[in-house]
Amino acid sequence: MQGKSICVNLSRKDILHDVNFKAESGQVTAIIGPNGSGKSTLLKTLAGEIGTSGTVTLNGHDISALKPWQLAAMRGVLPQSTSVAFPFKVYEIVRLGLANGLAAIDDELTAKALAHVDLAGFEDRSYQTLSGGEQQRVQLARVLTQVWGTQHTDQPRWLLLDEPVASLDIAHQFAVLHIAGDFAAAGGGVVVVMHDLNLTALFADCVYVLSQGYVWGSGTPSEVLNIDLMQQVYGIDLPISKVPKSSIPFVLPQVMRKRLGA
C-alpha cells in the first residue's frame, strides 16, 4: 500500500498536506500523533473513503480505478465507532463482512471469527445489549471475515484499523493487537491508528508520526519514539527508555506527572 502526495481538504480546511506513506505486507504499520493531527483522515484516504489530489495504490492498483467490490475484497476497515440503528443479532453483524469478501462461501466463518475475538457463543446475542468493548470486537470479527485467509491468496489482504483498542480492557487490547500481528505474519498488511505509545512500540514494525496534517517522522519504533520528536509533536517532555536486551522503547508518563508537580 502506498500513498503519494496525499492532500485532503474537508469543509474548506486543509487536513493533510503532501503526505507520502508506504506500508508493506507482512508488517504492522502504525500511525500516531496528537488529536486532530489527521490520523483518521489518512486512514480513510488509504481505504478509499475520502478523495485526494494525490494517489493511493493498493497491491499495485490505483484505488480510484477500483470498483467498490474489488476494493472490499482486498481490504477491511474498522472505524473508531459504528452506529447500528436496528436490532441485529451478533451473527448478522459479522456476516455483513461476507458480502464482498472472498471467503463468503465458508458457512462456518462467522463462528470462527467470533471465537478469534473471544466472543464464542455470542452469535444469537442482541448487538445493542453488548458493552462498548464487546461491540468493537464484534465489528473486528466482521472485518476479519471480509479478509479471511490471507495466506491462501495471490495478493495480500489488508486490515485498516482506527484505534481498535481504545474501548478495550488491557487483556483484550493485547489480544486484538496479537490478531493484527498474526494477520501480518501470515502475509497480510496492517495499518493501525494508535494512541498508546507503549503498545505501538511493542507491536508495530513501522511507525508514522503525524501532526497538523504533516508527516514528522517515520521508521521503526526505536527510530521514531525518541525524546526530541515526541516533544515536538506532543508538546511535552516525555522520558523514553528501552527494555534491556530487546531495545523496545517505552514512555514514562509517571515521570512527567512528577515534573508537573502532581
C-alpha atoms as a PDB file:
ATOM      1  CA  MET A   1       0.000   0.000   0.000  1.00  0.00           C
ATOM      2  CA  GLN A   2       1.366   3.370  -0.967  1.00  0.00           C
ATOM      3  CA  GLY A   3       0.191   6.965  -0.911  1.00  0.00           C
ATOM      4  CA  LYS A   4       1.947   9.722  -2.826  1.00  0.00           C
ATOM      5  CA  SER A   5       1.455  13.453  -2.294  1.00  0.00           C
ATOM      6  CA  ILE A   6      -1.781  12.916  -0.364  1.00  0.00           C
ATOM      7  CA  CYS A   7      -3.598  16.207   0.169  1.00  0.00           C
ATOM      8  CA  VAL A   8      -7.076  16.326   1.678  1.00  0.00           C
ATOM      9  CA  ASN A   9      -9.346  19.344   2.065  1.00  0.00           C
ATOM     10  CA  LEU A  10     -12.581  18.941   4.009  1.00  0.00           C
ATOM     11  CA  SER A  11     -15.097  21.763   4.537  1.00  0.00           C
ATOM     12  CA  ARG A  12     -12.600  24.206   3.043  1.00  0.00           C
ATOM     13  CA  LYS A  13      -9.954  23.204   5.554  1.00  0.00           C
ATOM     14  CA  ASP A  14      -6.681  21.525   4.636  1.00  0.00           C
ATOM     15  CA  ILE A  15      -6.406  18.335   6.710  1.00  0.00           C
ATOM     16  CA  LEU A  16      -3.461  16.521   5.080  1.00  0.00           C
ATOM     17  CA  HIS A  17      -0.531  18.216   3.396  1.00  0.00           C
ATOM     18  CA  ASP A  18       1.524  16.373   0.768  1.00  0.00           C
ATOM     19  CA  VAL A  19       1.693  13.146   2.792  1.00  0.00           C
ATOM     20  CA  ASN A  20       3.800  10.284   1.473  1.00  0.00           C
ATOM     21  CA  PHE A  21       3.058   6.928   3.047  1.00  0.00           C
ATOM     22  CA  LYS A  22       4.083   3.330   2.463  1.00  0.00           C
ATOM     23  CA  ALA A  23       3.033   0.158   4.257  1.00  0.00           C
ATOM     24  CA  GLU A  24       4.436  -3.280   3.491  1.00  0.00           C
ATOM     25  CA  SER A  25       2.531  -6.542   3.614  1.00  0.00           C
ATOM     26  CA  GLY A  26       3.824  -8.786   6.375  1.00  0.00           C
ATOM     27  CA  GLN A  27       4.137  -5.810   8.707  1.00  0.00           C
ATOM     28  CA  VAL A  28       2.095  -3.775  11.179  1.00  0.00           C
ATOM     29  CA  THR A  29       2.332  -0.086  10.306  1.00  0.00           C
ATOM     30  CA  ALA A  30       1.112   2.313  12.998  1.00  0.00           C
ATOM     31  CA  ILE A  31       0.021   5.928  12.631  1.00  0.00           C
ATOM     32  CA  ILE A  32       0.412   8.026  15.784  1.00  0.00           C
ATOM     33  CA  GLY A  33       0.081  11.678  16.684  1.00  0.00           C
ATOM     34  CA  PRO A  34      -1.958  14.090  18.794  1.00  0.00           C
ATOM     35  CA  ASN A  35      -5.708  14.592  18.475  1.00  0.00           C
ATOM     36  CA  GLY A  36      -6.655  16.390  15.281  1.00  0.00           C
ATOM     37  CA  SER A  37      -3.403  15.571  13.520  1.00  0.00           C
ATOM     38  CA  GLY A  38      -5.115  13.829  10.568  1.00  0.00           C
ATOM     39  CA  LYS A  39      -4.617  10.171  11.525  1.00  0.00           C
ATOM     40  CA  SER A  40      -8.174   9.008  10.880  1.00  0.00           C
ATOM     41  CA  THR A  41      -8.386  11.123   7.727  1.00  0.00           C
ATOM     42  CA  LEU A  42      -5.238   9.471   6.399  1.00  0.00           C
ATOM     43  CA  LEU A  43      -6.618   6.011   7.176  1.00  0.00           C
ATOM     44  CA  LYS A  44      -9.913   6.813   5.422  1.00  0.00           C
ATOM     45  CA  THR A  45      -7.994   8.135   2.428  1.00  0.00           C
ATOM     46  CA  LEU A  46      -5.912   4.954   2.240  1.00  0.00           C
ATOM     47  CA  ALA A  47      -9.165   2.971   2.451  1.00  0.00           C
ATOM     48  CA  GLY A  48     -10.661   4.877  -0.471  1.00  0.00           C
ATOM     49  CA  GLU A  49     -13.365   6.517   1.621  1.00  0.00           C
ATOM     50  CA  ILE A  50     -12.052  10.065   1.129  1.00  0.00           C
ATOM     51  CA  GLY A  51     -10.778  11.527  -2.126  1.00  0.00           C
ATOM     52  CA  THR A  52      -7.322  13.045  -2.509  1.00  0.00           C
ATOM     53  CA  SER A  53      -5.426  15.099  -5.042  1.00  0.00           C
ATOM     54  CA  GLY A  54      -2.596  12.580  -4.676  1.00  0.00           C
ATOM     55  CA  THR A  55      -2.623   8.877  -5.468  1.00  0.00           C
ATOM     56  CA  VAL A  56      -3.175   5.770  -3.351  1.00  0.00           C
ATOM     57  CA  THR A  57      -2.290   2.326  -4.641  1.00  0.00           C
ATOM     58  CA  LEU A  58      -3.253  -0.999  -3.096  1.00  0.00           C
ATOM     59  CA  ASN A  59      -1.479  -4.119  -4.313  1.00  0.00           C
ATOM     60  CA  GLY A  60      -0.301  -2.068  -7.277  1.00  0.00           C
ATOM     61  CA  HIS A  61      -3.802  -0.849  -8.201  1.00  0.00           C
ATOM     62  CA  ASP A  62      -4.856   2.802  -8.152  1.00  0.00           C
ATOM     63  CA  ILE A  63      -7.797   2.621  -5.734  1.00  0.00           C
ATOM     64  CA  SER A  64      -9.646   5.384  -7.592  1.00  0.00           C
ATOM     65  CA  ALA A  65      -9.973   2.981 -10.549  1.00  0.00           C
ATOM     66  CA  LEU A  66     -11.284   0.055  -8.489  1.00  0.00           C
ATOM     67  CA  LYS A  67     -14.952  -0.838  -8.154  1.00  0.00           C
ATOM     68  CA  PRO A  68     -16.276  -0.986  -4.581  1.00  0.00           C
ATOM     69  CA  TRP A  69     -16.480  -4.792  -4.576  1.00  0.00           C
ATOM     70  CA  GLN A  70     -12.882  -5.059  -5.820  1.00  0.00           C
ATOM     71  CA  LEU A  71     -11.676  -2.774  -3.045  1.00  0.00           C
ATOM     72  CA  ALA A  72     -13.754  -4.611  -0.449  1.00  0.00           C
ATOM     73  CA  ALA A  73     -12.175  -7.916  -1.465  1.00  0.00           C
ATOM     74  CA  MET A  74      -8.693  -6.561  -0.735  1.00  0.00           C
ATOM     75  CA  ARG A  75      -9.121  -4.578   2.450  1.00  0.00           C
ATOM     76  CA  GLY A  76     -11.323  -4.455   5.528  1.00  0.00           C
ATOM     77  CA  VAL A  77     -11.806  -1.260   7.537  1.00  0.00           C
ATOM     78  CA  LEU A  78     -12.551  -0.992  11.252  1.00  0.00           C
ATOM     79  CA  PRO A  79     -13.642   2.577  12.126  1.00  0.00           C
ATOM     80  CA  GLN A  80     -13.358   4.125  15.578  1.00  0.00           C
ATOM     81  CA  SER A  81     -17.049   3.535  16.193  1.00  0.00           C
ATOM     82  CA  THR A  82     -20.015   2.105  14.324  1.00  0.00           C
ATOM     83  CA  SER A  83     -23.660   3.035  14.888  1.00  0.00           C
ATOM     84  CA  VAL A  84     -26.221   0.272  14.428  1.00  0.00           C
ATOM     85  CA  ALA A  85     -29.811   1.526  14.418  1.00  0.00           C
ATOM     86  CA  PHE A  86     -31.623  -1.788  14.005  1.00  0.00           C
ATOM     87  CA  PRO A  87     -31.837  -4.690  16.493  1.00  0.00           C
ATOM     88  CA  PHE A  88     -29.397  -7.008  14.750  1.00  0.00           C
ATOM     89  CA  LYS A  89     -28.106 -10.213  16.226  1.00  0.00           C
ATOM     90  CA  VAL A  90     -24.343 -10.535  16.574  1.00  0.00           C
ATOM     91  CA  TYR A  91     -24.089 -13.129  13.807  1.00  0.00           C
ATOM     92  CA  GLU A  92     -25.958 -10.790  11.435  1.00  0.00           C
ATOM     93  CA  ILE A  93     -23.410  -8.038  12.056  1.00  0.00           C
ATOM     94  CA  VAL A  94     -20.474 -10.376  11.481  1.00  0.00           C
ATOM     95  CA  ARG A  95     -21.976 -11.796   8.299  1.00  0.00           C
ATOM     96  CA  LEU A  96     -22.037  -8.312   6.773  1.00  0.00           C
ATOM     97  CA  GLY A  97     -18.339  -8.803   6.218  1.00  0.00           C
ATOM     98  CA  LEU A  98     -19.036 -11.801   4.000  1.00  0.00           C
ATOM     99  CA  ALA A  99     -20.997  -9.891   1.378  1.00  0.00           C
ATOM    100  CA  ASN A 100     -17.966  -8.914  -0.687  1.00  0.00           C
ATOM    101  CA  GLY A 101     -15.266 -10.979   0.955  1.00  0.00           C
ATOM    102  CA  LEU A 102     -13.517 -13.743  -0.923  1.00  0.00           C
ATOM    103  CA  ALA A 103     -14.394 -16.243   1.814  1.00  0.00           C
ATOM    104  CA  ALA A 104     -18.161 -15.755   1.586  1.00  0.00           C
ATOM    105  CA  ILE A 105     -18.776 -19.417   0.803  1.00  0.00           C
ATOM    106  CA  ASP A 106     -17.499 -20.524   4.228  1.00  0.00           C
ATOM    107  CA  ASP A 107     -20.646 -21.053   6.326  1.00  0.00           C
ATOM    108  CA  GLU A 108     -18.593 -21.597   9.480  1.00  0.00           C
ATOM    109  CA  LEU A 109     -16.603 -18.400   9.197  1.00  0.00           C
ATOM    110  CA  THR A 110     -18.908 -16.352  11.428  1.00  0.00           C
ATOM    111  CA  ALA A 111     -18.320 -18.667  14.385  1.00  0.00           C
ATOM    112  CA  LYS A 112     -14.597 -18.851  13.617  1.00  0.00           C
ATOM    113  CA  ALA A 113     -14.264 -15.061  13.567  1.00  0.00           C
ATOM    114  CA  LEU A 114     -16.193 -14.622  16.827  1.00  0.00           C
ATOM    115  CA  ALA A 115     -14.056 -17.234  18.550  1.00  0.00           C
ATOM    116  CA  HIS A 116     -10.998 -15.422  17.214  1.00  0.00           C
ATOM    117  CA  VAL A 117     -12.015 -12.252  19.089  1.00  0.00           C
ATOM    118  CA  ASP A 118     -13.000 -14.155  22.268  1.00  0.00           C
ATOM    119  CA  LEU A 119     -16.755 -13.967  21.646  1.00  0.00           C
ATOM    120  CA  ALA A 120     -17.542 -17.620  21.002  1.00  0.00           C
ATOM    121  CA  GLY A 121     -21.221 -18.350  21.667  1.00  0.00           C
ATOM    122  CA  PHE A 122     -22.313 -14.735  21.185  1.00  0.00           C
ATOM    123  CA  GLU A 123     -23.946 -15.387  17.793  1.00  0.00           C
ATOM    124  CA  ASP A 124     -27.557 -15.015  18.966  1.00  0.00           C
ATOM    125  CA  ARG A 125     -26.961 -12.155  21.401  1.00  0.00           C
ATOM    126  CA  SER A 126     -28.504  -8.792  20.562  1.00  0.00           C
ATOM    127  CA  TYR A 127     -25.781  -6.417  19.385  1.00  0.00           C
ATOM    128  CA  GLN A 128     -27.323  -3.493  21.313  1.00  0.00           C
ATOM    129  CA  THR A 129     -27.063  -5.338  24.655  1.00  0.00           C
ATOM    130  CA  LEU A 130     -23.278  -5.719  24.414  1.00  0.00           C
ATOM    131  CA  SER A 131     -20.746  -3.466  26.097  1.00  0.00           C
ATOM    132  CA  GLY A 132     -18.821  -0.969  24.012  1.00  0.00           C
ATOM    133  CA  GLY A 133     -15.737  -3.186  24.046  1.00  0.00           C
ATOM    134  CA  GLU A 134     -17.743  -6.244  23.016  1.00  0.00           C
ATOM    135  CA  GLN A 135     -19.375  -4.321  20.182  1.00  0.00           C
ATOM    136  CA  GLN A 136     -15.939  -3.240  18.958  1.00  0.00           C
ATOM    137  CA  ARG A 137     -14.773  -6.842  18.929  1.00  0.00           C
ATOM    138  CA  VAL A 138     -17.884  -7.885  17.003  1.00  0.00           C
ATOM    139  CA  GLN A 139     -17.014  -5.248  14.417  1.00  0.00           C
ATOM    140  CA  LEU A 140     -13.467  -6.609  14.270  1.00  0.00           C
ATOM    141  CA  ALA A 141     -14.896 -10.087  13.657  1.00  0.00           C
ATOM    142  CA  ARG A 142     -16.936  -8.613  10.801  1.00  0.00           C
ATOM    143  CA  VAL A 143     -13.814  -7.112   9.252  1.00  0.00           C
ATOM    144  CA  LEU A 144     -11.863 -10.348   9.705  1.00  0.00           C
ATOM    145  CA  THR A 145     -14.476 -12.349   7.787  1.00  0.00           C
ATOM    146  CA  GLN A 146     -14.087  -9.909   4.914  1.00  0.00           C
ATOM    147  CA  VAL A 147     -10.349 -10.549   4.527  1.00  0.00           C
ATOM    148  CA  TRP A 148     -10.051 -14.035   5.998  1.00  0.00           C
ATOM    149  CA  GLY A 149      -7.393 -16.424   4.704  1.00  0.00           C
ATOM    150  CA  THR A 150      -4.607 -14.067   3.638  1.00  0.00           C
ATOM    151  CA  GLN A 151      -2.156 -16.905   3.168  1.00  0.00           C
ATOM    152  CA  HIS A 152      -4.352 -18.554   0.513  1.00  0.00           C
ATOM    153  CA  THR A 153      -4.495 -15.645  -1.942  1.00  0.00           C
ATOM    154  CA  ASP A 154      -2.141 -14.469  -4.670  1.00  0.00           C
ATOM    155  CA  GLN A 155      -2.129 -10.914  -3.284  1.00  0.00           C
ATOM    156  CA  PRO A 156      -2.057  -9.635   0.284  1.00  0.00           C
ATOM    157  CA  ARG A 157      -5.200  -8.531   2.023  1.00  0.00           C
ATOM    158  CA  TRP A 158      -5.224  -5.588   4.371  1.00  0.00           C
ATOM    159  CA  LEU A 159      -6.629  -4.626   7.750  1.00  0.00           C
ATOM    160  CA  LEU A 160      -7.125  -0.889   8.271  1.00  0.00           C
ATOM    161  CA  LEU A 161      -7.872  -0.319  11.960  1.00  0.00           C
ATOM    162  CA  ASP A 162      -8.750   3.030  13.538  1.00  0.00           C
ATOM    163  CA  GLU A 163      -7.974   2.963  17.274  1.00  0.00           C
ATOM    164  CA  PRO A 164      -9.034  -0.699  17.621  1.00  0.00           C
ATOM    165  CA  VAL A 165      -8.099  -0.963  21.321  1.00  0.00           C
ATOM    166  CA  ALA A 166      -9.472   2.338  22.604  1.00  0.00           C
ATOM    167  CA  SER A 167     -12.503   0.824  24.378  1.00  0.00           C
ATOM    168  CA  LEU A 168     -10.925  -2.465  25.438  1.00  0.00           C
ATOM    169  CA  ASP A 169      -9.532  -3.738  28.726  1.00  0.00           C
ATOM    170  CA  ILE A 170      -5.820  -4.491  28.801  1.00  0.00           C
ATOM    171  CA  ALA A 171      -6.227  -8.234  28.156  1.00  0.00           C
ATOM    172  CA  HIS A 172      -8.308  -7.648  25.036  1.00  0.00           C
ATOM    173  CA  GLN A 173      -6.003  -4.834  23.908  1.00  0.00           C
ATOM    174  CA  PHE A 174      -3.192  -7.372  23.737  1.00  0.00           C
ATOM    175  CA  ALA A 175      -5.478  -9.967  22.164  1.00  0.00           C
ATOM    176  CA  VAL A 176      -6.574  -7.635  19.359  1.00  0.00           C
ATOM    177  CA  LEU A 177      -3.041  -6.482  18.621  1.00  0.00           C
ATOM    178  CA  HIS A 178      -1.870 -10.099  18.573  1.00  0.00           C
ATOM    179  CA  ILE A 179      -4.597 -10.770  15.987  1.00  0.00           C
ATOM    180  CA  ALA A 180      -3.211  -7.888  13.925  1.00  0.00           C
ATOM    181  CA  GLY A 181       0.323  -9.221  14.318  1.00  0.00           C
ATOM    182  CA  ASP A 182      -0.711 -12.747  13.329  1.00  0.00           C
ATOM    183  CA  PHE A 183      -2.539 -11.369  10.287  1.00  0.00           C
ATOM    184  CA  ALA A 184       0.650  -9.623   9.192  1.00  0.00           C
ATOM    185  CA  ALA A 185       2.781 -12.673   9.946  1.00  0.00           C
ATOM    186  CA  ALA A 186       0.509 -14.702   7.635  1.00  0.00           C
ATOM    187  CA  GLY A 187       1.315 -12.318   4.781  1.00  0.00           C
ATOM    188  CA  GLY A 188      -1.337  -9.648   5.165  1.00  0.00           C
ATOM    189  CA  GLY A 189      -0.809  -5.954   5.713  1.00  0.00           C
ATOM    190  CA  VAL A 190      -1.992  -3.971   8.742  1.00  0.00           C
ATOM    191  CA  VAL A 191      -2.308  -0.208   9.085  1.00  0.00           C
ATOM    192  CA  VAL A 192      -3.477   0.878  12.521  1.00  0.00           C
ATOM    193  CA  VAL A 193      -4.138   4.253  14.131  1.00  0.00           C
ATOM    194  CA  MET A 194      -2.867   4.196  17.708  1.00  0.00           C
ATOM    195  CA  HIS A 195      -2.707   6.497  20.728  1.00  0.00           C
ATOM    196  CA  ASP A 196      -0.932   4.242  23.214  1.00  0.00           C
ATOM    197  CA  LEU A 197       2.765   4.749  22.524  1.00  0.00           C
ATOM    198  CA  ASN A 198       3.900   1.746  24.549  1.00  0.00           C
ATOM    199  CA  LEU A 199       1.583  -0.643  22.698  1.00  0.00           C
ATOM    200  CA  THR A 200       2.737   0.942  19.459  1.00  0.00           C
ATOM    201  CA  ALA A 201       6.359   0.291  20.364  1.00  0.00           C
ATOM    202  CA  LEU A 202       5.555  -3.298  21.280  1.00  0.00           C
ATOM    203  CA  PHE A 203       3.515  -4.328  18.236  1.00  0.00           C
ATOM    204  CA  ALA A 204       4.395  -2.044  15.318  1.00  0.00           C
ATOM    205  CA  ASP A 205       7.085  -2.758  12.748  1.00  0.00           C
ATOM    206  CA  CYS A 206       6.897   0.732  11.267  1.00  0.00           C
ATOM    207  CA  VAL A 207       5.532   3.977  12.724  1.00  0.00           C
ATOM    208  CA  TYR A 208       4.391   7.183  11.021  1.00  0.00           C
ATOM    209  CA  VAL A 209       4.118  10.308  13.187  1.00  0.00           C
ATOM    210  CA  LEU A 210       1.522  12.871  12.114  1.00  0.00           C
ATOM    211  CA  SER A 211       0.973  16.364  13.427  1.00  0.00           C
ATOM    212  CA  GLN A 212      -1.051  19.199  11.902  1.00  0.00           C
ATOM    213  CA  GLY A 213      -1.554  17.139   8.755  1.00  0.00           C
ATOM    214  CA  TYR A 214       2.151  16.600   8.076  1.00  0.00           C
ATOM    215  CA  VAL A 215       4.378  13.559   8.485  1.00  0.00           C
ATOM    216  CA  TRP A 216       7.004  14.481  11.055  1.00  0.00           C
ATOM    217  CA  GLY A 217       8.833  11.191  11.015  1.00  0.00           C
ATOM    218  CA  SER A 218       8.662   7.535  10.063  1.00  0.00           C
ATOM    219  CA  GLY A 219      10.655   4.414  10.766  1.00  0.00           C
ATOM    220  CA  THR A 220      10.918   1.653  13.335  1.00  0.00           C
ATOM    221  CA  PRO A 221       9.661   2.334  16.872  1.00  0.00           C
ATOM    222  CA  SER A 222      13.250   2.688  18.061  1.00  0.00           C
ATOM    223  CA  GLU A 223      13.937   5.281  15.375  1.00  0.00           C
ATOM    224  CA  VAL A 224      10.745   7.296  15.834  1.00  0.00           C
ATOM    225  CA  LEU A 225       9.938   7.143  19.539  1.00  0.00           C
ATOM    226  CA  ASN A 226      12.637   9.473  20.763  1.00  0.00           C
ATOM    227  CA  ILE A 227      12.509  12.336  23.224  1.00  0.00           C
ATOM    228  CA  ASP A 228      13.092  15.137  20.711  1.00  0.00           C
ATOM    229  CA  LEU A 229      10.431  14.081  18.202  1.00  0.00           C
ATOM    230  CA  MET A 230       7.844  13.313  20.863  1.00  0.00           C
ATOM    231  CA  GLN A 231       8.424  16.711  22.460  1.00  0.00           C
ATOM    232  CA  GLN A 232       7.999  18.454  19.091  1.00  0.00           C
ATOM    233  CA  VAL A 233       4.804  16.591  18.229  1.00  0.00           C
ATOM    234  CA  TYR A 234       3.050  16.334  21.599  1.00  0.00           C
ATOM    235  CA  GLY A 235       4.463  19.470  23.180  1.00  0.00           C
ATOM    236  CA  ILE A 236       5.508  17.801  26.445  1.00  0.00           C
ATOM    237  CA  ASP A 237       8.709  16.305  27.737  1.00  0.00           C
ATOM    238  CA  LEU A 238       8.179  12.517  27.748  1.00  0.00           C
ATOM    239  CA  PRO A 239      11.088  10.499  29.132  1.00  0.00           C
ATOM    240  CA  ILE A 240      11.723   7.433  26.981  1.00  0.00           C
ATOM    241  CA  SER A 241      13.776   4.436  27.989  1.00  0.00           C
ATOM    242  CA  LYS A 242      14.377   0.987  26.488  1.00  0.00           C
ATOM    243  CA  VAL A 243      13.789  -2.503  27.734  1.00  0.00           C
ATOM    244  CA  PRO A 244      17.176  -4.198  28.303  1.00  0.00           C
ATOM    245  CA  LYS A 245      18.228  -6.618  25.552  1.00  0.00           C
ATOM    246  CA  SER A 246      15.142  -6.077  23.360  1.00  0.00           C
ATOM    247  CA  SER A 247      15.733  -2.319  22.832  1.00  0.00           C
ATOM    248  CA  ILE A 248      11.961  -1.743  22.674  1.00  0.00           C
ATOM    249  CA  PRO A 249      11.318   1.873  23.718  1.00  0.00           C
ATOM    250  CA  PHE A 250       8.781   2.728  26.399  1.00  0.00           C
ATOM    251  CA  VAL A 251       7.368   6.051  27.560  1.00  0.00           C
ATOM    252  CA  LEU A 252       7.274   7.075  31.218  1.00  0.00           C
ATOM    253  CA  PRO A 253       4.304   9.424  31.794  1.00  0.00           C
ATOM    254  CA  GLN A 254       4.692   8.947  35.566  1.00  0.00           C
ATOM    255  CA  VAL A 255       7.881  10.963  35.439  1.00  0.00           C
ATOM    256  CA  MET A 256       6.031  13.675  33.533  1.00  0.00           C
ATOM    257  CA  ARG A 257       3.464  13.958  36.329  1.00  0.00           C
ATOM    258  CA  LYS A 258       6.242  14.394  38.879  1.00  0.00           C
ATOM    259  CA  ARG A 259       7.809  17.155  36.814  1.00  0.00           C
ATOM    260  CA  LEU A 260       4.439  18.919  36.657  1.00  0.00           C
ATOM    261  CA  GLY A 261       4.263  18.759  40.427  1.00  0.00           C
ATOM    262  CA  ALA A 262       1.437  16.197  40.622  1.00  0.00           C
END
